[in-house]
Amino acid sequence: MKAYIDRDGCIGCGLCSDICPKVFQMADDGKAEVYVDVIPPDSEDTASEAADSCPVSVITVE
């Protein structure tokens, strides 16, 4: 599985990095970023939860 963020639409709330810190982190510009190439198997559920919880729906997990 991979995660993608449309950083142009990110509002920097930090919810994704709070829910799934193994996949998402906050960048220096205050927006979220994906920092793994492939989601670790033990983080797939929380990465999907982070995507579902994004208030602006800019996260895709596939």
PDB file of N, CA and C in Angstrom:
ATOM      1  N   MET A   1       0.833  -1.190   0.000  1.00  0.00           N
ATOM      2  CA  MET A   1       0.000   0.000   0.000  1.00  0.00           C
ATOM      3  C   MET A   1       0.874   1.249   0.000  1.00  0.00           C
ATOM      4  N   LYS A   2       0.336   2.289  -0.625  1.00  0.00           N
ATOM      5  CA  LYS A   2       1.015   3.580  -0.656  1.00  0.00           C
ATOM      6  C   LYS A   2       0.036   4.663  -0.233  1.00  0.00           C
ATOM      7  N   ALA A   3       0.590   5.748   0.294  1.00  0.00           N
ATOM      8  CA  ALA A   3      -0.222   6.899   0.673  1.00  0.00           C
ATOM      9  C   ALA A   3       0.230   8.108  -0.133  1.00  0.00           C
ATOM     10  N   TYR A   4      -0.725   8.966  -0.439  1.00  0.00           N
ATOM     11  CA  TYR A   4      -0.465  10.185  -1.182  1.00  0.00           C
ATOM     12  C   TYR A   4      -1.224  11.329  -0.522  1.00  0.00           C
ATOM     13  N   ILE A   5      -0.627  12.513  -0.532  1.00  0.00           N
ATOM     14  CA  ILE A   5      -1.294  13.700  -0.005  1.00  0.00           C
ATOM     15  C   ILE A   5      -1.277  14.783  -1.082  1.00  0.00           C
ATOM     16  N   ASP A   6      -2.427  15.377  -1.318  1.00  0.00           N
ATOM     17  CA  ASP A   6      -2.507  16.561  -2.169  1.00  0.00           C
ATOM     18  C   ASP A   6      -2.134  17.745  -1.276  1.00  0.00           C
ATOM     19  N   ARG A   7      -0.857  18.066  -1.259  1.00  0.00           N
ATOM     20  CA  ARG A   7      -0.348  19.080  -0.338  1.00  0.00           C
ATOM     21  C   ARG A   7      -0.922  20.460  -0.609  1.00  0.00           C
ATOM     22  N   ASP A   8      -1.381  20.715  -1.830  1.00  0.00           N
ATOM     23  CA  ASP A   8      -1.986  22.014  -2.141  1.00  0.00           C
ATOM     24  C   ASP A   8      -3.265  22.241  -1.334  1.00  0.00           C
ATOM     25  N   GLY A   9      -3.961  21.152  -1.040  1.00  0.00           N
ATOM     26  CA  GLY A   9      -5.210  21.263  -0.286  1.00  0.00           C
ATOM     27  C   GLY A   9      -5.057  21.042   1.205  1.00  0.00           C
ATOM     28  N   CYS A  10      -3.876  20.646   1.649  1.00  0.00           N
ATOM     29  CA  CYS A  10      -3.636  20.357   3.073  1.00  0.00           C
ATOM     30  C   CYS A  10      -3.752  21.649   3.881  1.00  0.00           C
ATOM     31  N   ILE A  11      -4.461  21.579   5.018  1.00  0.00           N
ATOM     32  CA  ILE A  11      -4.612  22.741   5.886  1.00  0.00           C
ATOM     33  C   ILE A  11      -3.679  22.681   7.099  1.00  0.00           C
ATOM     34  N   GLY A  12      -2.888  21.602   7.195  1.00  0.00           N
ATOM     35  CA  GLY A  12      -1.896  21.500   8.258  1.00  0.00           C
ATOM     36  C   GLY A  12      -2.464  21.241   9.635  1.00  0.00           C
ATOM     37  N   CYS A  13      -3.576  20.546   9.729  1.00  0.00           N
ATOM     38  CA  CYS A  13      -4.192  20.294  11.038  1.00  0.00           C
ATOM     39  C   CYS A  13      -3.398  19.301  11.884  1.00  0.00           C
ATOM     40  N   GLY A  14      -2.623  18.429  11.238  1.00  0.00           N
ATOM     41  CA  GLY A  14      -1.786  17.473  11.965  1.00  0.00           C
ATOM     42  C   GLY A  14      -2.487  16.201  12.398  1.00  0.00           C
ATOM     43  N   LEU A  15      -3.737  16.044  12.041  1.00  0.00           N
ATOM     44  CA  LEU A  15      -4.490  14.864  12.459  1.00  0.00           C
ATOM     45  C   LEU A  15      -3.886  13.576  11.921  1.00  0.00           C
ATOM     46  N   CYS A  16      -3.454  13.580  10.667  1.00  0.00           N
ATOM     47  CA  CYS A  16      -2.901  12.361  10.063  1.00  0.00           C
ATOM     48  C   CYS A  16      -1.624  11.917  10.789  1.00  0.00           C
ATOM     49  N   SER A  17      -0.762  12.868  11.118  1.00  0.00           N
ATOM     50  CA  SER A  17       0.479  12.503  11.809  1.00  0.00           C
ATOM     51  C   SER A  17       0.212  12.084  13.248  1.00  0.00           C
ATOM     52  N   ASP A  18      -0.862  12.584  13.846  1.00  0.00           N
ATOM     53  CA  ASP A  18      -1.248  12.132  15.186  1.00  0.00           C
ATOM     54  C   ASP A  18      -1.772  10.699  15.145  1.00  0.00           C
ATOM     55  N   ILE A  19      -2.558  10.380  14.131  1.00  0.00           N
ATOM     56  CA  ILE A  19      -3.164   9.053  14.010  1.00  0.00           C
ATOM     57  C   ILE A  19      -2.149   8.017  13.540  1.00  0.00           C
ATOM     58  N   CYS A  20      -1.307   8.368  12.580  1.00  0.00           N
ATOM     59  CA  CYS A  20      -0.388   7.398  11.975  1.00  0.00           C
ATOM     60  C   CYS A  20       1.009   8.005  11.788  1.00  0.00           C
ATOM     61  N   PRO A  21       1.752   8.173  12.874  1.00  0.00           N
ATOM     62  CA  PRO A  21       3.071   8.806  12.781  1.00  0.00           C
ATOM     63  C   PRO A  21       4.126   7.977  12.052  1.00  0.00           C
ATOM     64  N   LYS A  22       3.859   6.705  11.812  1.00  0.00           N
ATOM     65  CA  LYS A  22       4.811   5.889  11.063  1.00  0.00           C
ATOM     66  C   LYS A  22       4.764   6.173   9.565  1.00  0.00           C
ATOM     67  N   VAL A  23       3.726   6.873   9.116  1.00  0.00           N
ATOM     68  CA  VAL A  23       3.553   7.144   7.685  1.00  0.00           C
ATOM     69  C   VAL A  23       3.543   8.645   7.387  1.00  0.00           C
ATOM     70  N   PHE A  24       2.906   9.430   8.253  1.00  0.00           N
ATOM     71  CA  PHE A  24       2.734  10.860   8.011  1.00  0.00           C
ATOM     72  C   PHE A  24       3.509  11.686   9.027  1.00  0.00           C
ATOM     73  N   GLN A  25       4.025  12.817   8.556  1.00  0.00           N
ATOM     74  CA  GLN A  25       4.679  13.763   9.452  1.00  0.00           C
ATOM     75  C   GLN A  25       4.385  15.168   8.947  1.00  0.00           C
ATOM     76  N   MET A  26       4.610  16.124   9.812  1.00  0.00           N
ATOM     77  CA  MET A  26       4.410  17.512   9.436  1.00  0.00           C
ATOM     78  C   MET A  26       5.732  18.059   8.908  1.00  0.00           C
ATOM     79  N   ALA A  27       5.687  18.659   7.742  1.00  0.00           N
ATOM     80  CA  ALA A  27       6.882  19.221   7.099  1.00  0.00           C
ATOM     81  C   ALA A  27       7.164  20.617   7.664  1.00  0.00           C
ATOM     82  N   ASP A  28       8.309  21.152   7.312  1.00  0.00           N
ATOM     83  CA  ASP A  28       8.716  22.472   7.781  1.00  0.00           C
ATOM     84  C   ASP A  28       7.769  23.583   7.341  1.00  0.00           C
ATOM     85  N   ASP A  29       7.040  23.357   6.246  1.00  0.00           N
ATOM     86  CA  ASP A  29       6.106  24.373   5.767  1.00  0.00           C
ATOM     87  C   ASP A  29       4.744  24.298   6.461  1.00  0.00           C
ATOM     88  N   GLY A  30       4.607  23.374   7.444  1.00  0.00           N
ATOM     89  CA  GLY A  30       3.376  23.263   8.204  1.00  0.00           C
ATOM     90  C   GLY A  30       2.328  22.359   7.599  1.00  0.00           C
ATOM     91  N   LYS A  31       2.656  21.744   6.471  1.00  0.00           N
ATOM     92  CA  LYS A  31       1.724  20.819   5.822  1.00  0.00           C
ATOM     93  C   LYS A  31       2.189  19.386   6.037  1.00  0.00           C
ATOM     94  N   ALA A  32       1.252  18.467   5.934  1.00  0.00           N
ATOM     95  CA  ALA A  32       1.568  17.054   6.122  1.00  0.00           C
ATOM     96  C   ALA A  32       2.300  16.502   4.908  1.00  0.00           C
ATOM     97  N   GLU A  33       3.092  15.472   5.149  1.00  0.00           N
ATOM     98  CA  GLU A  33       3.768  14.773   4.065  1.00  0.00           C
ATOM     99  C   GLU A  33       3.860  13.297   4.399  1.00  0.00           C
ATOM    100  N   VAL A  34       3.951  12.491   3.361  1.00  0.00           N
ATOM    101  CA  VAL A  34       4.170  11.058   3.505  1.00  0.00           C
ATOM    102  C   VAL A  34       5.672  10.853   3.482  1.00  0.00           C
ATOM    103  N   TYR A  35       6.197  10.141   4.478  1.00  0.00           N
ATOM    104  CA  TYR A  35       7.649   9.973   4.498  1.00  0.00           C
ATOM    105  C   TYR A  35       8.104   8.525   4.391  1.00  0.00           C
ATOM    106  N   VAL A  36       7.247   7.652   3.912  1.00  0.00           N
ATOM    107  CA  VAL A  36       7.637   6.268   3.620  1.00  0.00           C
ATOM    108  C   VAL A  36       7.217   5.955   2.183  1.00  0.00           C
ATOM    109  N   ASP A  37       7.997   5.146   1.500  1.00  0.00           N
ATOM    110  CA  ASP A  37       7.638   4.758   0.133  1.00  0.00           C
ATOM    111  C   ASP A  37       6.470   3.778   0.123  1.00  0.00           C
ATOM    112  N   VAL A  38       6.516   2.825   1.031  1.00  0.00           N
ATOM    113  CA  VAL A  38       5.467   1.817   1.145  1.00  0.00           C
ATOM    114  C   VAL A  38       4.999   1.788   2.595  1.00  0.00           C
ATOM    115  N   ILE A  39       3.683   1.770   2.798  1.00  0.00           N
ATOM    116  CA  ILE A  39       3.139   1.728   4.150  1.00  0.00           C
ATOM    117  C   ILE A  39       3.485   0.387   4.776  1.00  0.00           C
ATOM    118  N   PRO A  40       4.099   0.387   5.979  1.00  0.00           N
ATOM    119  CA  PRO A  40       4.388  -0.881   6.650  1.00  0.00           C
ATOM    120  C   PRO A  40       3.081  -1.633   6.932  1.00  0.00           C
ATOM    121  N   PRO A  41       3.102  -2.949   6.794  1.00  0.00           N
ATOM    122  CA  PRO A  41       1.877  -3.726   7.000  1.00  0.00           C
ATOM    123  C   PRO A  41       1.190  -3.454   8.347  1.00  0.00           C
ATOM    124  N   ASP A  42       1.977  -3.195   9.387  1.00  0.00           N
ATOM    125  CA  ASP A  42       1.360  -2.955  10.700  1.00  0.00           C
ATOM    126  C   ASP A  42       0.761  -1.552  10.820  1.00  0.00           C
ATOM    127  N   SER A  43       0.913  -0.730   9.795  1.00  0.00           N
ATOM    128  CA  SER A  43       0.356   0.628   9.822  1.00  0.00           C
ATOM    129  C   SER A  43      -0.734   0.846   8.768  1.00  0.00           C
ATOM    130  N   GLU A  44      -1.100  -0.184   8.052  1.00  0.00           N
ATOM    131  CA  GLU A  44      -2.089  -0.026   6.980  1.00  0.00           C
ATOM    132  C   GLU A  44      -3.438   0.447   7.514  1.00  0.00           C
ATOM    133  N   ASP A  45      -3.888  -0.124   8.629  1.00  0.00           N
ATOM    134  CA  ASP A  45      -5.186   0.267   9.190  1.00  0.00           C
ATOM    135  C   ASP A  45      -5.175   1.709   9.675  1.00  0.00           C
ATOM    136  N   THR A  46      -4.106   2.110  10.364  1.00  0.00           N
ATOM    137  CA  THR A  46      -4.059   3.482  10.870  1.00  0.00           C
ATOM    138  C   THR A  46      -3.852   4.493   9.746  1.00  0.00           C
ATOM    139  N   ALA A  47      -3.150   4.114   8.687  1.00  0.00           N
ATOM    140  CA  ALA A  47      -3.009   5.010   7.533  1.00  0.00           C
ATOM    141  C   ALA A  47      -4.367   5.231   6.872  1.00  0.00           C
ATOM    142  N   SER A  48      -5.147   4.183   6.746  1.00  0.00           N
ATOM    143  CA  SER A  48      -6.496   4.313   6.190  1.00  0.00           C
ATOM    144  C   SER A  48      -7.385   5.151   7.108  1.00  0.00           C
ATOM    145  N   GLU A  49      -7.235   4.970   8.413  1.00  0.00           N
ATOM    146  CA  GLU A  49      -7.986   5.776   9.379  1.00  0.00           C
ATOM    147  C   GLU A  49      -7.619   7.259   9.241  1.00  0.00           C
ATOM    148  N   ALA A  50      -6.328   7.534   9.059  1.00  0.00           N
ATOM    149  CA  ALA A  50      -5.885   8.916   8.879  1.00  0.00           C
ATOM    150  C   ALA A  50      -6.504   9.520   7.627  1.00  0.00           C
ATOM    151  N   ALA A  51      -6.537   8.755   6.549  1.00  0.00           N
ATOM    152  CA  ALA A  51      -7.145   9.242   5.306  1.00  0.00           C
ATOM    153  C   ALA A  51      -8.632   9.523   5.505  1.00  0.00           C
ATOM    154  N   ASP A  52      -9.319   8.624   6.175  1.00  0.00           N
ATOM    155  CA  ASP A  52     -10.754   8.803   6.422  1.00  0.00           C
ATOM    156  C   ASP A  52     -11.031   9.985   7.345  1.00  0.00           C
ATOM    157  N   SER A  53     -10.085  10.297   8.227  1.00  0.00           N
ATOM    158  CA  SER A  53     -10.264  11.356   9.215  1.00  0.00           C
ATOM    159  C   SER A  53      -9.851  12.729   8.717  1.00  0.00           C
ATOM    160  N   CYS A  54      -9.188  12.800   7.579  1.00  0.00           N
ATOM    161  CA  CYS A  54      -8.716  14.083   7.057  1.00  0.00           C
ATOM    162  C   CYS A  54      -9.902  15.015   6.812  1.00  0.00           C
ATOM    163  N   PRO A  55      -9.908  16.192   7.454  1.00  0.00           N
ATOM    164  CA  PRO A  55     -11.075  17.083   7.310  1.00  0.00           C
ATOM    165  C   PRO A  55     -11.232  17.687   5.916  1.00  0.00           C
ATOM    166  N   VAL A  56     -10.180  17.680   5.114  1.00  0.00           N
ATOM    167  CA  VAL A  56     -10.271  18.222   3.754  1.00  0.00           C
ATOM    168  C   VAL A  56     -10.106  17.144   2.681  1.00  0.00           C
ATOM    169  N   SER A  57     -10.042  15.886   3.097  1.00  0.00           N
ATOM    170  CA  SER A  57     -10.021  14.733   2.186  1.00  0.00           C
ATOM    171  C   SER A  57      -8.920  14.818   1.128  1.00  0.00           C
ATOM    172  N   VAL A  58      -7.695  15.127   1.559  1.00  0.00           N
ATOM    173  CA  VAL A  58      -6.580  15.220   0.607  1.00  0.00           C
ATOM    174  C   VAL A  58      -5.645  14.009   0.654  1.00  0.00           C
ATOM    175  N   ILE A  59      -5.984  13.008   1.470  1.00  0.00           N
ATOM    176  CA  ILE A  59      -5.133  11.822   1.615  1.00  0.00           C
ATOM    177  C   ILE A  59      -5.766  10.654   0.875  1.00  0.00           C
ATOM    178  N   THR A  60      -4.947   9.972   0.084  1.00  0.00           N
ATOM    179  CA  THR A  60      -5.370   8.765  -0.623  1.00  0.00           C
ATOM    180  C   THR A  60      -4.472   7.626  -0.184  1.00  0.00           C
ATOM    181  N   VAL A  61      -5.067   6.495   0.158  1.00  0.00           N
ATOM    182  CA  VAL A  61      -4.320   5.282   0.510  1.00  0.00           C
ATOM    183  C   VAL A  61      -4.794   4.193  -0.430  1.00  0.00           C
ATOM    184  N   GLU A  62      -3.832   3.601  -1.157  1.00  0.00           N
ATOM    185  CA  GLU A  62      -4.221   2.526  -2.103  1.00  0.00           C
ATOM    186  C   GLU A  62      -3.154   1.453  -2.122  1.00  0.00           C
TER     187      GLU A  62
END
